[in-house]
C-alpha atoms as a PDB file:
ATOM      1  CA  MET A   1      33.191-121.159 -46.054  1.00  0.00           C
ATOM      2  CA  ARG A   2      29.574-120.598 -47.590  1.00  0.00           C
ATOM      3  CA  PHE A   3      28.256-121.933 -44.546  1.00  0.00           C
ATOM      4  CA  HIS A   4      29.958-119.439 -42.174  1.00  0.00           C
ATOM      5  CA  THR A   5      29.147-116.568 -44.628  1.00  0.00           C
ATOM      6  CA  LEU A   6      25.450-117.588 -44.405  1.00  0.00           C
ATOM      7  CA  ILE A   7      25.082-117.751 -40.604  1.00  0.00           C
ATOM      8  CA  THR A   8      26.801-114.301 -40.303  1.00  0.00           C
ATOM      9  CA  THR A   9      24.372-112.887 -42.988  1.00  0.00           C
ATOM     10  CA  LEU A  10      21.357-114.397 -40.782  1.00  0.00           C
ATOM     11  CA  LEU A  11      22.775-112.903 -37.588  1.00  0.00           C
ATOM     12  CA  LEU A  12      23.194-109.451 -39.178  1.00  0.00           C
ATOM     13  CA  ALA A  13      19.699-109.886 -40.480  1.00  0.00           C
ATOM     14  CA  GLY A  14      18.170-110.693 -37.093  1.00  0.00           C
ATOM     15  CA  ALA A  15      20.148-107.758 -35.465  1.00  0.00           C
ATOM     16  CA  SER A  16      18.622-105.400 -37.982  1.00  0.00           C
ATOM     17  CA  LEU A  17      15.370-106.838 -37.484  1.00  0.00           C
ATOM     18  CA  ALA A  18      15.161-106.447 -33.663  1.00  0.00           C
ATOM     19  CA  SER A  19      16.833-102.747 -33.467  1.00  0.00           C
ATOM     20  CA  PRO A  20      13.650-100.812 -34.062  1.00  0.00           C
ATOM     21  CA  ALA A  21      11.922-102.446 -31.232  1.00  0.00           C
ATOM     22  CA  GLN A  22      14.883-101.969 -28.873  1.00  0.00           C
ATOM     23  CA  THR A  23      15.179 -98.344 -29.956  1.00  0.00           C
ATOM     24  CA  ARG A  24      11.561 -97.786 -29.303  1.00  0.00           C
ATOM     25  CA  ASP A  25      12.109 -99.004 -25.690  1.00  0.00           C
ATOM     26  CA  ALA A  26      15.132 -96.999 -25.240  1.00  0.00           C
ATOM     27  CA  VAL A  27      13.523 -93.859 -26.371  1.00  0.00           C
ATOM     28  CA  ALA A  28      10.445 -94.568 -24.257  1.00  0.00           C
ATOM     29  CA  ALA A  29      12.641 -95.198 -21.057  1.00  0.00           C
ATOM     30  CA  LYS A  30      14.618 -92.063 -21.717  1.00  0.00           C
ATOM     31  CA  ASN A  31      11.329 -89.916 -21.954  1.00  0.00           C
ATOM     32  CA  ASP A  32      10.063 -91.240 -18.734  1.00  0.00           C
ATOM     33  CA  ASN A  33      13.233 -90.599 -16.763  1.00  0.00           C
ATOM     34  CA  ALA A  34      13.159 -86.907 -18.177  1.00  0.00           C
ATOM     35  CA  LYS A  35       9.477 -86.633 -16.992  1.00  0.00           C
ATOM     36  CA  ILE A  36      10.531 -87.909 -13.419  1.00  0.00           C
ATOM     37  CA  ALA A  37      13.498 -85.688 -13.387  1.00  0.00           C
ATOM     38  CA  ALA A  38      11.450 -82.684 -14.361  1.00  0.00           C
ATOM     39  CA  HIS A  39       8.685 -83.491 -11.591  1.00  0.00           C
ATOM     40  CA  ASP A  40      11.338 -83.868  -8.919  1.00  0.00           C
ATOM     41  CA  ASN A  41      12.951 -80.279 -10.094  1.00  0.00           C
ATOM     42  CA  ALA A  42       9.830 -78.554  -9.929  1.00  0.00           C
ATOM     43  CA  ALA A  43       8.881 -80.022  -6.539  1.00  0.00           C
ATOM     44  CA  THR A  44      12.338 -79.070  -5.355  1.00  0.00           C
ATOM     45  CA  ALA A  45      11.952 -75.647  -6.612  1.00  0.00           C
ATOM     46  CA  ARG A  46       8.458 -75.224  -4.760  1.00  0.00           C
ATOM     47  CA  ASP A  47       9.962 -76.371  -1.449  1.00  0.00           C
ATOM     48  CA  SER A  48      12.781 -73.871  -2.071  1.00  0.00           C
ATOM     49  CA  VAL A  49      10.393 -70.924  -2.673  1.00  0.00           C
ATOM     50  CA  GLU A  50       8.353 -71.921   0.163  1.00  0.00           C
ATOM     51  CA  VAL A  51      11.342 -71.958   2.507  1.00  0.00           C
ATOM     52  CA  ARG A  52      12.612 -68.714   1.379  1.00  0.00           C
ATOM     53  CA  HIS A  53       9.083 -67.168   1.870  1.00  0.00           C
ATOM     54  CA  GLN A  54       9.118 -68.330   5.540  1.00  0.00           C
ATOM     55  CA  HIS A  55      12.677 -66.637   6.077  1.00  0.00           C
ATOM     56  CA  THR A  56      12.143 -63.363   4.322  1.00  0.00           C
ATOM     57  CA  GLU A  57       8.574 -62.581   5.962  1.00  0.00           C
ATOM     58  CA  MET A  58       8.872 -58.641   6.444  1.00  0.00           C
ATOM     59  CA  THR A  59       8.589 -57.179   9.707  1.00  0.00           C
ATOM     60  CA  PRO A  60       6.084 -53.837  10.230  1.00  0.00           C
ATOM     61  CA  ASP A  61       9.158 -51.586  10.153  1.00  0.00           C
ATOM     62  CA  GLN A  62      10.414 -53.633   6.809  1.00  0.00           C
ATOM     63  CA  ARG A  63       6.930 -52.945   5.333  1.00  0.00           C
ATOM     64  CA  ARG A  64       7.250 -49.498   5.987  1.00  0.00           C
ATOM     65  CA  GLU A  65      10.656 -49.389   4.446  1.00  0.00           C
ATOM     66  CA  HIS A  66       9.265 -51.113   1.585  1.00  0.00           C
ATOM     67  CA  ARG A  67       6.765 -48.401   1.122  1.00  0.00           C
ATOM     68  CA  GLY A  68       9.537 -45.657   1.278  1.00  0.00           C
ATOM     69  CA  ILE A  69       8.004 -43.912   4.279  1.00  0.00           C
ATOM     70  CA  SER A  70      10.894 -44.197   6.327  1.00  0.00           C
ATOM     71  CA  SER A  71      13.604 -45.375   3.836  1.00  0.00           C
ATOM     72  CA  ARG A  72      17.077 -44.698   4.545  1.00  0.00           C
ATOM     73  CA  SER A  73      18.214 -44.996   1.227  1.00  0.00           C
ATOM     74  CA  THR A  74      17.964 -41.560   0.176  1.00  0.00           C
ATOM     75  CA  ARG A  75      19.477 -39.090   2.967  1.00  0.00           C
ATOM     76  CA  ILE A  76      18.360 -35.751   2.159  1.00  0.00           C
ATOM     77  CA  VAL A  77      19.096 -34.587   5.662  1.00  0.00           C
ATOM     78  CA  PRO A  78      22.037 -36.680   7.142  1.00  0.00           C
ATOM     79  CA  ARG A  79      22.388 -37.208  10.707  1.00  0.00           C
ATOM     80  CA  GLY A  80      24.343 -34.738  12.452  1.00  0.00           C
ATOM     81  CA  GLN A  81      23.491 -31.695  10.199  1.00  0.00           C
ATOM     82  CA  TRP A  82      22.299 -28.283  11.639  1.00  0.00           C
ATOM     83  CA  ILE A  83      19.392 -26.597  10.226  1.00  0.00           C
ATOM     84  CA  PHE A  84      18.955 -22.678  10.398  1.00  0.00           C
ATOM     85  CA  GLY A  85      16.177 -20.777   8.919  1.00  0.00           C
ATOM     86  CA  GLY A  86      13.019 -18.735   9.196  1.00  0.00           C
ATOM     87  CA  THR A  87      10.507 -16.460   7.800  1.00  0.00           C
ATOM     88  CA  LEU A  88       9.884 -12.750   7.500  1.00  0.00           C
ATOM     89  CA  SER A  89       6.973 -10.721   6.722  1.00  0.00           C
ATOM     90  CA  TYR A  90       6.134  -7.007   6.737  1.00  0.00           C
ATOM     91  CA  SER A  91       2.927  -5.381   5.255  1.00  0.00           C
ATOM     92  CA  THR A  92       1.686  -1.671   5.295  1.00  0.00           C
ATOM     93  CA  HIS A  93      -1.786  -0.047   4.302  1.00  0.00           C
ATOM     94  CA  SER A  94      -2.960   3.726   4.203  1.00  0.00           C
ATOM     95  CA  ASN A  95      -6.408   4.890   3.353  1.00  0.00           C
ATOM     96  CA  ASP A  96      -7.615   8.077   2.281  1.00  0.00           C
ATOM     97  CA  LYS A  97     -11.216   8.764   2.193  1.00  0.00           C
ATOM     98  CA  TYR A  98     -11.607   5.291   0.954  1.00  0.00           C
ATOM     99  CA  THR A  99     -14.814   3.550   0.574  1.00  0.00           C
ATOM    100  CA  PHE A 100     -15.860  -0.095   0.962  1.00  0.00           C
ATOM    101  CA  LEU A 101     -19.153  -0.962   0.879  1.00  0.00           C
ATOM    102  CA  VAL A 102     -21.175   0.688   3.332  1.00  0.00           C
ATOM    103  CA  VAL A 103     -18.228   2.223   5.155  1.00  0.00           C
ATOM    104  CA  GLU A 104     -17.266   5.442   3.630  1.00  0.00           C
ATOM    105  CA  GLY A 105     -14.479   8.031   4.251  1.00  0.00           C
ATOM    106  CA  ILE A 106     -11.844   5.593   5.674  1.00  0.00           C
ATOM    107  CA  ASN A 107      -8.784   7.412   6.818  1.00  0.00           C
ATOM    108  CA  SER A 108      -6.417   4.903   8.439  1.00  0.00           C
ATOM    109  CA  GLU A 109      -2.978   3.342   8.457  1.00  0.00           C
ATOM    110  CA  GLY A 110      -1.204   0.525   9.828  1.00  0.00           C
ATOM    111  CA  TYR A 111       1.323  -2.211   9.603  1.00  0.00           C
ATOM    112  CA  THR A 112       1.898  -5.813  10.346  1.00  0.00           C
ATOM    113  CA  PHE A 113       5.366  -7.349  11.232  1.00  0.00           C
ATOM    114  CA  LYS A 114       6.091 -10.907  11.795  1.00  0.00           C
ATOM    115  CA  VAL A 115       9.621 -12.811  12.212  1.00  0.00           C
ATOM    116  CA  SER A 116      10.108 -16.678  13.050  1.00  0.00           C
ATOM    117  CA  PRO A 117      13.486 -17.917  13.076  1.00  0.00           C
ATOM    118  CA  PHE A 118      14.303 -21.741  13.579  1.00  0.00           C
ATOM    119  CA  ILE A 119      17.067 -23.939  14.646  1.00  0.00           C
ATOM    120  CA  GLY A 120      17.178 -27.660  14.282  1.00  0.00           C
ATOM    121  CA  TYR A 121      19.585 -30.661  14.359  1.00  0.00           C
ATOM    122  CA  ALA A 122      19.226 -33.911  12.594  1.00  0.00           C
ATOM    123  CA  VAL A 123      19.287 -36.619  15.157  1.00  0.00           C
ATOM    124  CA  LYS A 124      18.741 -39.161  12.651  1.00  0.00           C
ATOM    125  CA  ASN A 125      18.749 -39.554   8.901  1.00  0.00           C
ATOM    126  CA  ASN A 126      15.908 -37.547   7.404  1.00  0.00           C
ATOM    127  CA  MET A 127      14.807 -36.640  10.937  1.00  0.00           C
ATOM    128  CA  ALA A 128      15.406 -33.500  12.921  1.00  0.00           C
ATOM    129  CA  VAL A 129      14.346 -31.748  16.344  1.00  0.00           C
ATOM    130  CA  GLY A 130      14.499 -28.023  17.070  1.00  0.00           C
ATOM    131  CA  ALA A 131      13.047 -24.939  18.245  1.00  0.00           C
ATOM    132  CA  ARG A 132      11.210 -21.941  16.836  1.00  0.00           C
ATOM    133  CA  VAL A 133      10.421 -18.296  18.179  1.00  0.00           C
ATOM    134  CA  VAL A 134       7.629 -16.374  16.469  1.00  0.00           C
ATOM    135  CA  TYR A 135       7.155 -12.607  17.115  1.00  0.00           C
ATOM    136  CA  SER A 136       4.667 -10.505  15.728  1.00  0.00           C
ATOM    137  CA  ARG A 137       3.412  -7.054  16.118  1.00  0.00           C
ATOM    138  CA  SER A 138       0.437  -4.959  14.257  1.00  0.00           C
ATOM    139  CA  LEU A 139      -0.800  -1.587  14.307  1.00  0.00           C
ATOM    140  CA  LEU A 140      -4.100   0.037  13.311  1.00  0.00           C
ATOM    141  CA  LYS A 141      -4.848   3.947  13.548  1.00  0.00           C
ATOM    142  CA  LEU A 142      -8.385   5.071  12.160  1.00  0.00           C
ATOM    143  CA  ASP A 143      -8.904   8.624  12.368  1.00  0.00           C
ATOM    144  CA  ASP A 144     -12.361   8.782  10.459  1.00  0.00           C
ATOM    145  CA  ALA A 145     -15.039   6.533   9.202  1.00  0.00           C
ATOM    146  CA  GLN A 146     -18.602   6.754   8.326  1.00  0.00           C
ATOM    147  CA  ILE A 147     -21.090   3.694   8.190  1.00  0.00           C
ATOM    148  CA  SER A 148     -24.360   4.683   6.077  1.00  0.00           C
ATOM    149  CA  MET A 149     -27.121   2.313   5.536  1.00  0.00           C
ATOM    150  CA  ASP A 150     -30.482   3.806   4.722  1.00  0.00           C
ATOM    151  CA  ASP A 151     -31.558   6.197   7.728  1.00  0.00           C
ATOM    152  CA  LEU A 152     -28.647   4.779  10.086  1.00  0.00           C
ATOM    153  CA  ASN A 153     -25.462   6.700  10.070  1.00  0.00           C
ATOM    154  CA  LEU A 154     -22.684   5.771  12.450  1.00  0.00           C
ATOM    155  CA  GLY A 155     -19.396   7.710  12.846  1.00  0.00           C
ATOM    156  CA  ILE A 156     -15.970   6.583  14.224  1.00  0.00           C
ATOM    157  CA  ASP A 157     -13.853   9.784  15.219  1.00  0.00           C
ATOM    158  CA  TYR A 158     -10.641   7.683  16.670  1.00  0.00           C
ATOM    159  CA  TYR A 159      -9.605   4.089  17.016  1.00  0.00           C
ATOM    160  CA  TYR A 160      -6.123   2.775  18.025  1.00  0.00           C
ATOM    161  CA  ALA A 161      -5.055  -0.697  18.378  1.00  0.00           C
ATOM    162  CA  LEU A 162      -1.544  -1.965  18.798  1.00  0.00           C
ATOM    163  CA  LYS A 163      -0.937  -5.740  19.565  1.00  0.00           C
ATOM    164  CA  HIS A 164       2.280  -7.879  19.836  1.00  0.00           C
ATOM    165  CA  SER A 165       2.630 -11.746  20.673  1.00  0.00           C
ATOM    166  CA  TYR A 166       5.394 -13.953  20.985  1.00  0.00           C
ATOM    167  CA  GLU A 167       5.689 -17.683  21.163  1.00  0.00           C
ATOM    168  CA  VAL A 168       8.550 -20.339  21.476  1.00  0.00           C
ATOM    169  CA  ALA A 169       7.870 -23.790  20.165  1.00  0.00           C
ATOM    170  CA  ALA A 170       9.532 -27.310  20.250  1.00  0.00           C
ATOM    171  CA  VAL A 171       9.510 -28.737  16.678  1.00  0.00           C
ATOM    172  CA  TRP A 172      10.009 -32.443  15.517  1.00  0.00           C
ATOM    173  CA  ARG A 173      10.438 -32.913  11.682  1.00  0.00           C
ATOM    174  CA  GLN A 174      10.347 -35.935   9.558  1.00  0.00           C
ATOM    175  CA  TYR A 175      11.682 -35.668   5.809  1.00  0.00           C
ATOM    176  CA  ILE A 176      10.576 -37.851   3.081  1.00  0.00           C
ATOM    177  CA  PRO A 177      12.719 -37.648  -0.038  1.00  0.00           C
ATOM    178  CA  LEU A 178      10.399 -37.656  -3.511  1.00  0.00           C
ATOM    179  CA  GLY A 179      11.894 -40.985  -4.576  1.00  0.00           C
ATOM    180  CA  ARG A 180      15.811 -40.969  -5.145  1.00  0.00           C
ATOM    181  CA  ASN A 181      15.942 -37.460  -6.191  1.00  0.00           C
ATOM    182  CA  LYS A 182      17.881 -35.354  -3.422  1.00  0.00           C
ATOM    183  CA  ARG A 183      16.686 -31.958  -4.474  1.00  0.00           C
ATOM    184  CA  PHE A 184      12.914 -32.300  -3.503  1.00  0.00           C
ATOM    185  CA  ALA A 185      11.268 -33.711  -0.360  1.00  0.00           C
ATOM    186  CA  ILE A 186       8.151 -33.235   1.882  1.00  0.00           C
ATOM    187  CA  PHE A 187       8.266 -33.074   5.462  1.00  0.00           C
ATOM    188  CA  THR A 188       5.850 -33.497   8.269  1.00  0.00           C
ATOM    189  CA  GLU A 189       6.374 -31.114  11.070  1.00  0.00           C
ATOM    190  CA  LEU A 190       4.743 -31.263  14.708  1.00  0.00           C
ATOM    191  CA  GLN A 191       4.978 -28.084  16.859  1.00  0.00           C
ATOM    192  CA  LEU A 192       4.265 -27.532  20.457  1.00  0.00           C
ATOM    193  CA  GLY A 193       4.322 -23.965  21.542  1.00  0.00           C
ATOM    194  CA  ILE A 194       3.525 -21.874  24.526  1.00  0.00           C
ATOM    195  CA  GLY A 195       3.520 -17.853  24.260  1.00  0.00           C
ATOM    196  CA  GLY A 196       1.919 -14.601  25.199  1.00  0.00           C
ATOM    197  CA  THR A 197       0.141 -11.606  24.167  1.00  0.00           C
ATOM    198  CA  GLN A 198      -0.222  -7.806  24.841  1.00  0.00           C
ATOM    199  CA  SER A 199      -2.626  -5.252  23.520  1.00  0.00           C
ATOM    200  CA  LYS A 200      -3.768  -1.657  23.752  1.00  0.00           C
ATOM    201  CA  PHE A 201      -6.958  -0.264  22.283  1.00  0.00           C
ATOM    202  CA  ALA A 202      -8.153   3.518  22.411  1.00  0.00           C
ATOM    203  CA  GLU A 203     -11.117   4.921  21.091  1.00  0.00           C
ATOM    204  CA  GLY A 204     -13.589   7.666  20.952  1.00  0.00           C
ATOM    205  CA  SER A 205     -13.479  11.343  22.610  1.00  0.00           C
ATOM    206  CA  PRO A 206     -12.977  11.489  25.307  1.00  0.00           C
ATOM    207  CA  VAL A 207     -10.465   8.532  25.018  1.00  0.00           C
ATOM    208  CA  ARG A 208     -11.323   5.397  26.377  1.00  0.00           C
ATOM    209  CA  GLY A 209      -8.427   2.825  26.942  1.00  0.00           C
ATOM    210  CA  THR A 210      -8.471  -1.036  27.182  1.00  0.00           C
ATOM    211  CA  TYR A 211      -5.335  -3.054  27.997  1.00  0.00           C
ATOM    212  CA  GLU A 212      -5.097  -6.695  27.449  1.00  0.00           C
ATOM    213  CA  THR A 213      -2.527  -9.418  28.476  1.00  0.00           C
ATOM    214  CA  GLY A 214      -2.773 -13.277  27.843  1.00  0.00           C
ATOM    215  CA  TYR A 215      -1.194 -16.559  27.200  1.00  0.00           C
ATOM    216  CA  THR A 216      -1.400 -19.305  24.670  1.00  0.00           C
ATOM    217  CA  VAL A 217      -0.860 -22.883  24.237  1.00  0.00           C
ATOM    218  CA  SER A 218      -0.941 -24.676  21.025  1.00  0.00           C
ATOM    219  CA  LEU A 219      -0.160 -27.927  19.201  1.00  0.00           C
ATOM    220  CA  GLY A 220      -0.113 -28.113  15.470  1.00  0.00           C
ATOM    221  CA  LEU A 221       0.622 -30.279  12.349  1.00  0.00           C
ATOM    222  CA  ASN A 222       2.128 -28.527   9.761  1.00  0.00           C
ATOM    223  CA  PRO A 223       3.314 -30.284   6.466  1.00  0.00           C
ATOM    224  CA  GLY A 224       5.526 -28.916   3.738  1.00  0.00           C
ATOM    225  CA  ILE A 225       7.953 -29.112   1.181  1.00  0.00           C
ATOM    226  CA  VAL A 226      11.373 -28.255   0.831  1.00  0.00           C
ATOM    227  CA  ALA A 227      13.580 -27.530  -2.340  1.00  0.00           C
ATOM    228  CA  PHE A 228      17.106 -27.474  -2.196  1.00  0.00           C
ATOM    229  CA  ALA A 229      18.887 -24.729  -4.602  1.00  0.00           C
ATOM    230  CA  THR A 230      22.342 -25.699  -3.319  1.00  0.00           C
ATOM    231  CA  ASN A 231      23.961 -28.341  -1.137  1.00  0.00           C
ATOM    232  CA  ASN A 232      23.368 -25.920   1.818  1.00  0.00           C
ATOM    233  CA  VAL A 233      20.518 -23.501   0.831  1.00  0.00           C
ATOM    234  CA  ALA A 234      16.855 -24.632   0.619  1.00  0.00           C
ATOM    235  CA  PHE A 235      13.507 -22.909  -0.050  1.00  0.00           C
ATOM    236  CA  GLU A 236      10.556 -24.137   2.250  1.00  0.00           C
ATOM    237  CA  VAL A 237       6.587 -23.734   2.110  1.00  0.00           C
ATOM    238  CA  ASN A 238       4.547 -25.405   4.941  1.00  0.00           C
ATOM    239  CA  VAL A 239       0.949 -24.894   5.887  1.00  0.00           C
ATOM    240  CA  GLY A 240      -1.300 -25.691   9.059  1.00  0.00           C
ATOM    241  CA  VAL A 241      -3.807 -28.529   8.314  1.00  0.00           C
ATOM    242  CA  MET A 242      -4.671 -29.439  11.965  1.00  0.00           C
ATOM    243  CA  GLY A 243      -4.100 -28.418  15.636  1.00  0.00           C
ATOM    244  CA  PHE A 244      -5.387 -27.223  18.923  1.00  0.00           C
ATOM    245  CA  ASN A 245      -5.086 -23.823  20.490  1.00  0.00           C
ATOM    246  CA  TYR A 246      -6.177 -22.506  24.012  1.00  0.00           C
ATOM    247  CA  SER A 247      -5.876 -18.835  24.935  1.00  0.00           C
ATOM    248  CA  ASN A 248      -6.551 -16.891  28.223  1.00  0.00           C
ATOM    249  CA  THR A 249      -6.897 -13.180  28.224  1.00  0.00           C
ATOM    250  CA  LYS A 250      -7.039 -10.597  31.167  1.00  0.00           C
ATOM    251  CA  GLN A 251      -8.697  -7.001  30.238  1.00  0.00           C
ATOM    252  CA  VAL A 252      -8.497  -3.851  32.073  1.00  0.00           C
ATOM    253  CA  HIS A 253     -10.821  -1.277  30.820  1.00  0.00           C
ATOM    254  CA  ASN A 254     -10.201   2.462  31.668  1.00  0.00           C
ATOM    255  CA  GLN A 255      -8.029   1.146  34.375  1.00  0.00           C
ATOM    256  CA  VAL A 256     -11.280   0.387  36.592  1.00  0.00           C
ATOM    257  CA  THR A 257     -13.153  -2.773  34.796  1.00  0.00           C
ATOM    258  CA  VAL A 258     -11.413  -6.143  34.940  1.00  0.00           C
ATOM    259  CA  GLY A 259     -12.374  -8.988  32.693  1.00  0.00           C
ATOM    260  CA  ASN A 260     -11.450 -12.176  31.563  1.00  0.00           C
ATOM    261  CA  ARG A 261     -11.929 -14.369  28.364  1.00  0.00           C
ATOM    262  CA  SER A 262     -10.787 -17.652  27.630  1.00  0.00           C
ATOM    263  CA  SER A 263     -11.419 -19.790  24.280  1.00  0.00           C
ATOM    264  CA  SER A 264     -10.124 -22.862  22.793  1.00  0.00           C
ATOM    265  CA  TYR A 265     -10.512 -24.557  19.410  1.00  0.00           C
ATOM    266  CA  MET A 266      -9.632 -27.513  17.076  1.00  0.00           C
ATOM    267  CA  ASN A 267      -8.752 -27.002  13.588  1.00  0.00           C
ATOM    268  CA  PHE A 268      -8.745 -30.106  11.359  1.00  0.00           C
ATOM    269  CA  LYS A 269      -8.573 -28.335   7.831  1.00  0.00           C
ATOM    270  CA  VAL A 270      -6.223 -26.429   5.921  1.00  0.00           C
ATOM    271  CA  ASN A 271      -5.664 -23.061   7.058  1.00  0.00           C
ATOM    272  CA  ILE A 272      -4.555 -20.607   4.090  1.00  0.00           C
ATOM    273  CA  PHE A 273      -3.814 -18.091   6.786  1.00  0.00           C
ATOM    274  CA  SER A 274      -0.917 -20.143   8.292  1.00  0.00           C
ATOM    275  CA  ILE A 275       0.901 -20.786   4.948  1.00  0.00           C
ATOM    276  CA  GLY A 276       4.584 -19.854   5.511  1.00  0.00           C
ATOM    277  CA  MET A 277       7.443 -19.331   2.966  1.00  0.00           C
ATOM    278  CA  GLY A 278      10.996 -19.243   4.060  1.00  0.00           C
ATOM    279  CA  VAL A 279      14.531 -20.030   3.530  1.00  0.00           C
ATOM    280  CA  ALA A 280      16.623 -22.646   5.444  1.00  0.00           C
ATOM    281  CA  PHE A 281      20.526 -23.301   5.425  1.00  0.00           C
ATOM    282  CA  TYR A 282      21.596 -26.946   6.269  1.00  0.00           C
ATOM    283  CA  LEU A 283      25.333 -27.012   7.661  1.00  0.00           C
END
């Protein structure tokens, strides 16, 4: 009995002596397996990212969409909507013995009137095409004015000028919402127009008269901003920044002398005289 007890004690002692080495081997093997698994997972993740990148390479249209230039996520002007709007301006002036620099005793009166209705249709989200009609009329009547410069004295007894013009233009607009806000947006407007002019001038005593007729062709870029006061009413402001204009004028002086004049110019700067403000209805 004692012999068996002794053998059992020795076996247990041997097992206790061998367990630290076996434990270290097991831990080392476990760590190696963990490192191998982590390396394999990292390689798999890199391969997955490369494959996903290859499949998600953006086209030029998608890149523009990513910048938001042609984004359709915010539809400030949905497809199928009609746009009615326009601008109207009227001003008058009157001078009674007014002095301006070297011009004295100015007696004059006149007015300027301009109206510009617009109609458009949204063929795509945030894109519209339409037409604009522009009519303007101006009058100046100068009864008396004196120019005094040292020994030089010039006088104007009578001058009359009446001019009116009209234009019909095709319009293309692209709206760009400001972020996800559906109240404000900027727009780019391209306008191609053709029109005519008619003028009458008279001066002096006896009266000498001149009659002019002409036509114009223009191409312009007019960016602007629109602010919606309600779902259907908006205020618009635009300004001409660049364009091309050609005009041809025929002149008849005293119903005898005939003359012609043609001119063209290109504008690549902000034209403060072409700033327009108006109201538009989006229905």
